[in-house]
């Protein structure tokens, strides 16, 4: 009989587990930390994005246009960059609002609901990551096109 018990496979353990209010409180505490960290990061990134647009791209484009040059690609990149900054701001506000609502959820009534809301938060945070990468790529593209434009003007 002892051998038979070894050969019979055990039932797989369920990955579902009871989410108690203690785990829920731990999740809420971590989400509060993330919210504080994200707020600082968002302010810093937001300032960089705004500064690059207002202090580099726009003045450069205006100067080129004032000198009767046609920086069409630079203007297009700047327009796309500014739209992306606006989108980043909007997505961040959606993320922050949703994060605040999740943090405010009660762990006493339905702790599983709070933990279940994490998937949506991850998706919103992922979108912010995509926006950040897109803004970086647009900045790099602007720099490369400016160099290309400058080199082309020098050659004339």
N, C-alpha and C. Protein backbone atom coordinates (compact mmCIF):
# COMPACT_ATOMS: atom_id res chain seq x y z
N UNK A 1 0.81 -1.19 0.00
CA UNK A 1 0.00 0.00 0.00
C UNK A 1 0.85 1.25 0.00
N UNK A 2 1.96 1.21 0.65
CA UNK A 2 2.82 2.38 0.70
C UNK A 2 3.31 2.76 -0.68
N UNK A 3 3.59 1.76 -1.54
CA UNK A 3 4.07 2.02 -2.89
C UNK A 3 2.96 2.64 -3.72
N UNK A 4 1.77 2.16 -3.58
CA UNK A 4 0.64 2.68 -4.33
C UNK A 4 0.42 4.16 -4.03
N UNK A 5 0.58 4.55 -2.79
CA UNK A 5 0.38 5.94 -2.40
C UNK A 5 1.40 6.83 -3.09
N UNK A 6 2.61 6.35 -3.31
CA UNK A 6 3.65 7.15 -3.96
C UNK A 6 3.32 7.32 -5.44
N UNK A 7 2.73 6.32 -6.07
CA UNK A 7 2.46 6.38 -7.49
C UNK A 7 1.22 7.18 -7.86
N UNK A 8 0.33 7.38 -6.94
CA UNK A 8 -0.88 8.13 -7.23
C UNK A 8 -0.54 9.61 -7.19
N UNK A 9 -0.78 10.31 -8.30
CA UNK A 9 -0.42 11.73 -8.31
C UNK A 9 -1.30 12.53 -7.35
N UNK A 10 -0.67 13.48 -6.72
CA UNK A 10 -1.41 14.36 -5.83
C UNK A 10 -2.17 15.38 -6.65
N UNK A 11 -3.31 15.81 -6.17
CA UNK A 11 -4.03 16.85 -6.91
C UNK A 11 -3.20 18.13 -6.91
N UNK A 12 -3.24 18.82 -8.04
CA UNK A 12 -2.49 20.07 -8.16
C UNK A 12 -3.01 21.08 -7.16
N UNK A 13 -2.09 21.85 -6.59
CA UNK A 13 -2.51 22.89 -5.66
C UNK A 13 -3.11 24.04 -6.44
N UNK A 14 -4.13 24.55 -5.91
CA UNK A 14 -4.80 25.68 -6.56
C UNK A 14 -3.95 26.93 -6.42
N UNK A 15 -3.88 27.71 -7.49
CA UNK A 15 -3.17 28.98 -7.44
C UNK A 15 -4.04 30.05 -6.80
N UNK A 16 -5.33 29.74 -6.70
CA UNK A 16 -6.23 30.68 -6.02
C UNK A 16 -6.01 30.54 -4.53
N UNK A 17 -5.98 31.63 -3.87
CA UNK A 17 -5.85 31.59 -2.42
C UNK A 17 -6.74 32.67 -1.83
N UNK A 18 -7.07 32.44 -0.64
CA UNK A 18 -7.96 33.40 0.02
C UNK A 18 -7.21 34.71 0.24
N UNK A 19 -7.84 35.77 -0.14
CA UNK A 19 -7.24 37.09 0.05
C UNK A 19 -7.87 37.66 1.31
N UNK A 20 -7.09 37.69 2.37
CA UNK A 20 -7.64 38.19 3.62
C UNK A 20 -7.38 39.69 3.74
N UNK A 21 -7.94 40.28 4.75
CA UNK A 21 -7.82 41.73 4.91
C UNK A 21 -6.38 42.13 5.23
N UNK A 22 -5.59 41.22 5.80
CA UNK A 22 -4.19 41.52 6.09
C UNK A 22 -3.41 41.70 4.78
N UNK A 23 -3.58 40.78 3.85
CA UNK A 23 -2.93 40.90 2.55
C UNK A 23 -3.42 42.15 1.83
N UNK A 24 -4.70 42.40 1.93
CA UNK A 24 -5.29 43.58 1.30
C UNK A 24 -4.63 44.85 1.85
N UNK A 25 -4.44 44.92 3.16
CA UNK A 25 -3.80 46.09 3.77
C UNK A 25 -2.34 46.23 3.31
N UNK A 26 -1.66 45.10 3.16
CA UNK A 26 -0.28 45.14 2.66
C UNK A 26 -0.24 45.69 1.24
N UNK A 27 -1.19 45.27 0.43
CA UNK A 27 -1.26 45.76 -0.95
C UNK A 27 -1.53 47.26 -0.94
N UNK A 28 -2.46 47.70 -0.12
CA UNK A 28 -2.78 49.12 -0.04
C UNK A 28 -1.57 49.95 0.40
N UNK A 29 -0.83 49.45 1.37
CA UNK A 29 0.37 50.15 1.84
C UNK A 29 1.38 50.29 0.70
N UNK A 30 1.57 49.21 -0.04
CA UNK A 30 2.52 49.26 -1.16
C UNK A 30 2.02 50.21 -2.25
N UNK A 31 0.72 50.21 -2.50
CA UNK A 31 0.16 51.11 -3.51
C UNK A 31 0.33 52.57 -3.11
N UNK A 32 0.23 52.87 -1.84
CA UNK A 32 0.45 54.24 -1.36
C UNK A 32 1.90 54.67 -1.60
N UNK A 33 2.83 53.75 -1.38
CA UNK A 33 4.25 54.03 -1.63
C UNK A 33 4.48 54.28 -3.12
N UNK A 34 3.86 53.45 -3.95
CA UNK A 34 4.00 53.60 -5.40
C UNK A 34 3.42 54.94 -5.85
N UNK A 35 2.28 55.32 -5.27
CA UNK A 35 1.65 56.58 -5.63
C UNK A 35 2.57 57.76 -5.34
N UNK A 36 3.19 57.76 -4.17
CA UNK A 36 4.12 58.84 -3.82
C UNK A 36 5.32 58.87 -4.76
N UNK A 37 5.87 57.72 -5.02
CA UNK A 37 7.03 57.63 -5.91
C UNK A 37 6.67 58.06 -7.33
N UNK A 38 5.53 57.60 -7.82
CA UNK A 38 5.10 57.95 -9.16
C UNK A 38 4.83 59.44 -9.30
N UNK A 39 4.30 60.06 -8.25
CA UNK A 39 3.99 61.50 -8.31
C UNK A 39 5.28 62.29 -8.52
N UNK A 40 6.32 61.95 -7.80
CA UNK A 40 7.60 62.65 -7.94
C UNK A 40 8.16 62.42 -9.35
N UNK A 41 8.12 61.19 -9.79
CA UNK A 41 8.63 60.85 -11.12
C UNK A 41 7.85 61.58 -12.20
N UNK A 42 6.53 61.62 -12.07
CA UNK A 42 5.69 62.28 -13.06
C UNK A 42 6.00 63.77 -13.12
N UNK A 43 6.19 64.41 -11.97
CA UNK A 43 6.53 65.84 -11.96
C UNK A 43 7.87 66.06 -12.65
N UNK A 44 8.86 65.25 -12.32
CA UNK A 44 10.18 65.40 -12.92
C UNK A 44 10.13 65.18 -14.43
N UNK A 45 9.50 64.10 -14.86
CA UNK A 45 9.39 63.83 -16.29
C UNK A 45 8.58 64.91 -16.98
N UNK A 46 7.48 65.32 -16.36
CA UNK A 46 6.64 66.36 -16.95
C UNK A 46 7.41 67.64 -17.18
N UNK A 47 8.24 68.02 -16.21
CA UNK A 47 9.05 69.23 -16.36
C UNK A 47 10.06 69.08 -17.50
N UNK A 48 10.64 67.92 -17.61
CA UNK A 48 11.60 67.68 -18.69
C UNK A 48 10.90 67.76 -20.04
N UNK A 49 9.74 67.09 -20.15
CA UNK A 49 9.00 67.11 -21.41
C UNK A 49 8.60 68.52 -21.80
N UNK A 50 8.07 69.27 -20.84
CA UNK A 50 7.64 70.65 -21.12
C UNK A 50 8.82 71.53 -21.48
N UNK A 51 9.91 71.36 -20.76
CA UNK A 51 11.11 72.16 -21.02
C UNK A 51 11.68 71.89 -22.40
N UNK A 52 11.75 70.64 -22.78
CA UNK A 52 12.28 70.30 -24.10
C UNK A 52 11.43 70.93 -25.20
N UNK A 53 10.13 70.87 -25.03
CA UNK A 53 9.23 71.45 -26.02
C UNK A 53 9.32 72.97 -26.04
N UNK A 54 9.20 73.59 -24.87
CA UNK A 54 9.13 75.05 -24.78
C UNK A 54 10.49 75.74 -24.95
N UNK A 55 11.55 75.10 -24.50
CA UNK A 55 12.86 75.75 -24.51
C UNK A 55 13.80 75.31 -25.61
N UNK A 56 13.48 74.23 -26.28
CA UNK A 56 14.36 73.74 -27.34
C UNK A 56 13.63 73.66 -28.68
N UNK A 57 12.62 72.79 -28.74
CA UNK A 57 11.97 72.53 -30.02
C UNK A 57 11.29 73.77 -30.60
N UNK A 58 10.41 74.38 -29.84
CA UNK A 58 9.64 75.52 -30.36
C UNK A 58 10.53 76.69 -30.73
N UNK A 59 11.45 77.14 -29.85
CA UNK A 59 12.32 78.26 -30.25
C UNK A 59 13.19 77.94 -31.46
N UNK A 60 13.69 76.72 -31.54
CA UNK A 60 14.51 76.32 -32.69
C UNK A 60 13.69 76.40 -33.97
N UNK A 61 12.49 75.84 -33.92
CA UNK A 61 11.63 75.86 -35.11
C UNK A 61 11.28 77.29 -35.51
N UNK A 62 10.95 78.14 -34.54
CA UNK A 62 10.61 79.53 -34.84
C UNK A 62 11.78 80.27 -35.47
N UNK A 63 12.95 80.01 -34.97
CA UNK A 63 14.15 80.68 -35.53
C UNK A 63 14.40 80.23 -36.96
N UNK A 64 14.24 78.95 -37.21
CA UNK A 64 14.45 78.44 -38.57
C UNK A 64 13.42 79.03 -39.53
N UNK A 65 12.16 79.09 -39.10
CA UNK A 65 11.11 79.66 -39.95
C UNK A 65 11.36 81.15 -40.17
N UNK A 66 11.79 81.86 -39.12
CA UNK A 66 12.08 83.30 -39.24
C UNK A 66 13.21 83.57 -40.22
N UNK A 67 14.09 82.59 -40.39
CA UNK A 67 15.21 82.72 -41.34
C UNK A 67 14.85 82.15 -42.71
N UNK A 68 13.56 82.02 -42.97
CA UNK A 68 13.04 81.52 -44.25
C UNK A 68 13.52 80.13 -44.61
N UNK A 69 13.77 79.33 -43.60
CA UNK A 69 14.12 77.93 -43.82
C UNK A 69 12.85 77.12 -43.60
N UNK A 70 12.80 75.95 -44.16
CA UNK A 70 11.58 75.14 -44.07
C UNK A 70 11.87 73.83 -43.33
N UNK A 71 11.79 73.89 -42.00
CA UNK A 71 12.06 72.68 -41.21
C UNK A 71 10.81 71.81 -41.05
N UNK A 72 10.24 71.37 -42.16
CA UNK A 72 8.96 70.65 -42.11
C UNK A 72 9.01 69.40 -41.23
N UNK A 73 10.08 68.64 -41.36
CA UNK A 73 10.17 67.42 -40.54
C UNK A 73 10.28 67.76 -39.06
N UNK A 74 11.03 68.81 -38.74
CA UNK A 74 11.16 69.22 -37.34
C UNK A 74 9.82 69.71 -36.79
N UNK A 75 9.07 70.43 -37.61
CA UNK A 75 7.75 70.91 -37.18
C UNK A 75 6.80 69.74 -36.93
N UNK A 76 6.87 68.74 -37.79
CA UNK A 76 6.02 67.55 -37.63
C UNK A 76 6.38 66.78 -36.37
N UNK A 77 7.67 66.61 -36.14
CA UNK A 77 8.11 65.89 -34.93
C UNK A 77 7.69 66.67 -33.68
N UNK A 78 7.84 67.98 -33.72
CA UNK A 78 7.46 68.81 -32.57
C UNK A 78 5.96 68.69 -32.30
N UNK A 79 5.16 68.72 -33.36
CA UNK A 79 3.72 68.58 -33.21
C UNK A 79 3.37 67.22 -32.60
N UNK A 80 3.99 66.16 -33.10
CA UNK A 80 3.76 64.81 -32.55
C UNK A 80 4.21 64.73 -31.09
N UNK A 81 5.33 65.35 -30.80
CA UNK A 81 5.86 65.35 -29.44
C UNK A 81 4.87 66.04 -28.49
N UNK A 82 4.37 67.20 -28.89
CA UNK A 82 3.44 67.94 -28.04
C UNK A 82 2.13 67.16 -27.84
N UNK A 83 1.66 66.50 -28.87
CA UNK A 83 0.47 65.65 -28.73
C UNK A 83 0.74 64.50 -27.77
N UNK A 84 1.92 63.93 -27.86
CA UNK A 84 2.28 62.81 -26.98
C UNK A 84 2.40 63.26 -25.53
N UNK A 85 2.92 64.47 -25.30
CA UNK A 85 2.99 65.02 -23.95
C UNK A 85 1.58 65.17 -23.38
N UNK A 86 0.67 65.68 -24.20
CA UNK A 86 -0.72 65.83 -23.77
C UNK A 86 -1.33 64.48 -23.43
N UNK A 87 -1.08 63.49 -24.27
CA UNK A 87 -1.59 62.14 -24.02
C UNK A 87 -0.99 61.56 -22.74
N UNK A 88 0.30 61.78 -22.54
CA UNK A 88 0.95 61.30 -21.32
C UNK A 88 0.26 61.90 -20.09
N UNK A 89 0.01 63.20 -20.13
CA UNK A 89 -0.66 63.87 -19.01
C UNK A 89 -2.04 63.26 -18.74
N UNK A 90 -2.79 63.05 -19.82
CA UNK A 90 -4.14 62.49 -19.68
C UNK A 90 -4.10 61.07 -19.11
N UNK A 91 -3.20 60.24 -19.64
CA UNK A 91 -3.09 58.87 -19.12
C UNK A 91 -2.62 58.87 -17.67
N UNK A 92 -1.71 59.79 -17.34
CA UNK A 92 -1.25 59.82 -15.96
C UNK A 92 -2.40 60.20 -15.02
N UNK A 93 -3.21 61.16 -15.41
CA UNK A 93 -4.35 61.54 -14.58
C UNK A 93 -5.32 60.37 -14.41
N UNK A 94 -5.57 59.63 -15.48
CA UNK A 94 -6.44 58.44 -15.38
C UNK A 94 -5.84 57.41 -14.43
N UNK A 95 -4.56 57.19 -14.58
CA UNK A 95 -3.85 56.23 -13.72
C UNK A 95 -3.91 56.67 -12.26
N UNK A 96 -3.62 57.95 -12.02
CA UNK A 96 -3.61 58.46 -10.66
C UNK A 96 -4.99 58.40 -10.01
N UNK A 97 -6.03 58.74 -10.79
CA UNK A 97 -7.40 58.66 -10.26
C UNK A 97 -7.78 57.23 -9.91
N UNK A 98 -7.43 56.31 -10.82
CA UNK A 98 -7.76 54.89 -10.56
C UNK A 98 -6.97 54.36 -9.37
N UNK A 99 -5.72 54.73 -9.28
CA UNK A 99 -4.89 54.30 -8.16
C UNK A 99 -5.47 54.82 -6.85
N UNK A 100 -5.90 56.07 -6.83
CA UNK A 100 -6.51 56.63 -5.61
C UNK A 100 -7.79 55.89 -5.24
N UNK A 101 -8.61 55.56 -6.23
CA UNK A 101 -9.85 54.82 -5.94
C UNK A 101 -9.55 53.44 -5.37
N UNK A 102 -8.52 52.78 -5.91
CA UNK A 102 -8.17 51.45 -5.41
C UNK A 102 -7.66 51.56 -3.98
N UNK A 103 -6.84 52.56 -3.70
CA UNK A 103 -6.31 52.74 -2.35
C UNK A 103 -7.44 53.01 -1.36
N UNK A 104 -8.49 53.68 -1.80
CA UNK A 104 -9.61 54.00 -0.92
C UNK A 104 -10.57 52.82 -0.70
N UNK A 105 -10.41 51.73 -1.45
CA UNK A 105 -11.29 50.58 -1.28
C UNK A 105 -11.15 49.99 0.12
N UNK A 106 -12.23 49.44 0.60
CA UNK A 106 -12.24 48.84 1.93
C UNK A 106 -11.71 47.41 1.88
N UNK A 107 -10.86 47.10 2.80
CA UNK A 107 -10.35 45.73 2.91
C UNK A 107 -11.27 44.86 3.78
N UNK A 108 -12.22 45.48 4.42
CA UNK A 108 -13.11 44.74 5.30
C UNK A 108 -14.22 44.02 4.54
N UNK A 109 -14.76 44.66 3.52
CA UNK A 109 -15.92 44.12 2.81
C UNK A 109 -15.53 43.10 1.74
N UNK A 110 -14.63 43.48 0.85
CA UNK A 110 -14.26 42.59 -0.26
C UNK A 110 -12.80 42.80 -0.63
N UNK A 111 -11.89 42.22 0.15
CA UNK A 111 -10.47 42.42 -0.13
C UNK A 111 -10.05 41.91 -1.51
N UNK A 112 -10.73 40.92 -2.02
CA UNK A 112 -10.38 40.37 -3.33
C UNK A 112 -10.64 41.39 -4.44
N UNK A 113 -11.61 42.27 -4.25
CA UNK A 113 -11.90 43.29 -5.25
C UNK A 113 -10.71 44.22 -5.44
N UNK A 114 -10.10 44.61 -4.32
CA UNK A 114 -8.93 45.49 -4.41
C UNK A 114 -7.80 44.80 -5.18
N UNK A 115 -7.51 43.58 -4.81
CA UNK A 115 -6.44 42.85 -5.48
C UNK A 115 -6.81 42.61 -6.95
N UNK A 116 -8.08 42.39 -7.22
CA UNK A 116 -8.53 42.21 -8.60
C UNK A 116 -8.38 43.46 -9.45
N UNK A 117 -8.34 44.62 -8.82
CA UNK A 117 -8.20 45.89 -9.53
C UNK A 117 -6.77 46.14 -10.00
N UNK A 118 -5.84 45.33 -9.53
CA UNK A 118 -4.44 45.54 -9.87
C UNK A 118 -4.16 45.36 -11.36
N UNK A 119 -4.89 44.49 -12.02
CA UNK A 119 -4.67 44.27 -13.46
C UNK A 119 -4.91 45.55 -14.25
N UNK A 120 -5.97 46.26 -13.91
CA UNK A 120 -6.26 47.52 -14.60
C UNK A 120 -5.16 48.55 -14.32
N UNK A 121 -4.70 48.61 -13.08
CA UNK A 121 -3.62 49.53 -12.74
C UNK A 121 -2.35 49.19 -13.51
N UNK A 122 -2.07 47.92 -13.63
CA UNK A 122 -0.88 47.51 -14.40
C UNK A 122 -1.00 47.94 -15.86
N UNK A 123 -2.20 47.80 -16.43
CA UNK A 123 -2.42 48.20 -17.82
C UNK A 123 -2.23 49.71 -17.99
N UNK A 124 -2.78 50.49 -17.08
CA UNK A 124 -2.62 51.95 -17.15
C UNK A 124 -1.15 52.35 -16.98
N UNK A 125 -0.48 51.68 -16.08
CA UNK A 125 0.94 51.98 -15.86
C UNK A 125 1.77 51.57 -17.08
N UNK A 126 1.40 50.47 -17.70
CA UNK A 126 2.08 50.04 -18.93
C UNK A 126 1.92 51.10 -20.02
N UNK A 127 0.73 51.66 -20.14
CA UNK A 127 0.50 52.70 -21.15
C UNK A 127 1.38 53.92 -20.89
N UNK A 128 1.57 54.27 -19.63
CA UNK A 128 2.46 55.38 -19.29
C UNK A 128 3.89 55.06 -19.70
N UNK A 129 4.29 53.83 -19.53
CA UNK A 129 5.62 53.41 -19.94
C UNK A 129 5.77 53.52 -21.46
N UNK A 130 4.75 53.12 -22.18
CA UNK A 130 4.77 53.23 -23.65
C UNK A 130 4.88 54.70 -24.06
N UNK A 131 4.09 55.56 -23.40
CA UNK A 131 4.13 56.99 -23.71
C UNK A 131 5.51 57.58 -23.44
N UNK A 132 6.11 57.19 -22.34
CA UNK A 132 7.45 57.68 -21.98
C UNK A 132 8.47 57.26 -23.04
N UNK A 133 8.39 56.02 -23.48
CA UNK A 133 9.32 55.54 -24.51
C UNK A 133 9.09 56.28 -25.83
N UNK A 134 7.83 56.53 -26.16
CA UNK A 134 7.51 57.25 -27.40
C UNK A 134 8.07 58.67 -27.34
N UNK A 135 7.91 59.34 -26.20
CA UNK A 135 8.45 60.69 -26.06
C UNK A 135 9.97 60.69 -26.20
N UNK A 136 10.61 59.70 -25.63
CA UNK A 136 12.07 59.59 -25.76
C UNK A 136 12.47 59.41 -27.22
N UNK A 137 11.76 58.53 -27.92
CA UNK A 137 12.07 58.29 -29.33
C UNK A 137 11.86 59.54 -30.18
N UNK A 138 10.80 60.29 -29.88
CA UNK A 138 10.54 61.53 -30.63
C UNK A 138 11.64 62.56 -30.36
N UNK A 139 12.12 62.65 -29.13
CA UNK A 139 13.21 63.57 -28.81
C UNK A 139 14.48 63.18 -29.55
N UNK A 140 14.78 61.90 -29.58
CA UNK A 140 15.96 61.41 -30.30
C UNK A 140 15.80 61.68 -31.80
N UNK A 141 14.60 61.44 -32.32
CA UNK A 141 14.33 61.70 -33.73
C UNK A 141 14.50 63.19 -34.05
N UNK A 142 14.01 64.05 -33.18
CA UNK A 142 14.16 65.49 -33.40
C UNK A 142 15.63 65.86 -33.45
N UNK A 143 16.40 65.34 -32.53
CA UNK A 143 17.84 65.62 -32.50
C UNK A 143 18.51 65.17 -33.79
N UNK A 144 18.18 63.97 -34.25
CA UNK A 144 18.79 63.44 -35.48
C UNK A 144 18.37 64.26 -36.70
N UNK A 145 17.10 64.62 -36.78
CA UNK A 145 16.62 65.42 -37.93
C UNK A 145 17.19 66.83 -37.89
N UNK A 146 17.36 67.37 -36.69
CA UNK A 146 17.98 68.70 -36.60
C UNK A 146 19.41 68.64 -37.11
N UNK A 147 20.15 67.62 -36.70
CA UNK A 147 21.54 67.47 -37.16
C UNK A 147 21.57 67.31 -38.68
N UNK A 148 20.67 66.50 -39.18
CA UNK A 148 20.58 66.29 -40.63
C UNK A 148 20.23 67.61 -41.34
N UNK A 149 19.28 68.34 -40.81
CA UNK A 149 18.89 69.64 -41.38
C UNK A 149 20.04 70.63 -41.32
N UNK A 150 20.72 70.69 -40.19
CA UNK A 150 21.86 71.60 -40.00
C UNK A 150 22.99 71.26 -40.98
N UNK A 151 23.31 69.97 -41.07
CA UNK A 151 24.38 69.54 -41.99
C UNK A 151 24.01 69.87 -43.43
N UNK A 152 22.73 69.72 -43.77
CA UNK A 152 22.27 70.05 -45.11
C UNK A 152 22.38 71.54 -45.41
N UNK A 153 22.12 72.37 -44.42
CA UNK A 153 22.23 73.83 -44.61
C UNK A 153 23.69 74.25 -44.69
N UNK A 154 24.56 73.59 -43.93
CA UNK A 154 25.99 73.90 -43.95
C UNK A 154 26.58 73.59 -45.32
N UNK A 155 26.08 72.52 -45.94
CA UNK A 155 26.60 72.07 -47.24
C UNK A 155 26.23 73.03 -48.37
N UNK A 156 25.20 73.85 -48.18
CA UNK A 156 24.74 74.76 -49.25
C UNK A 156 25.64 75.95 -49.41
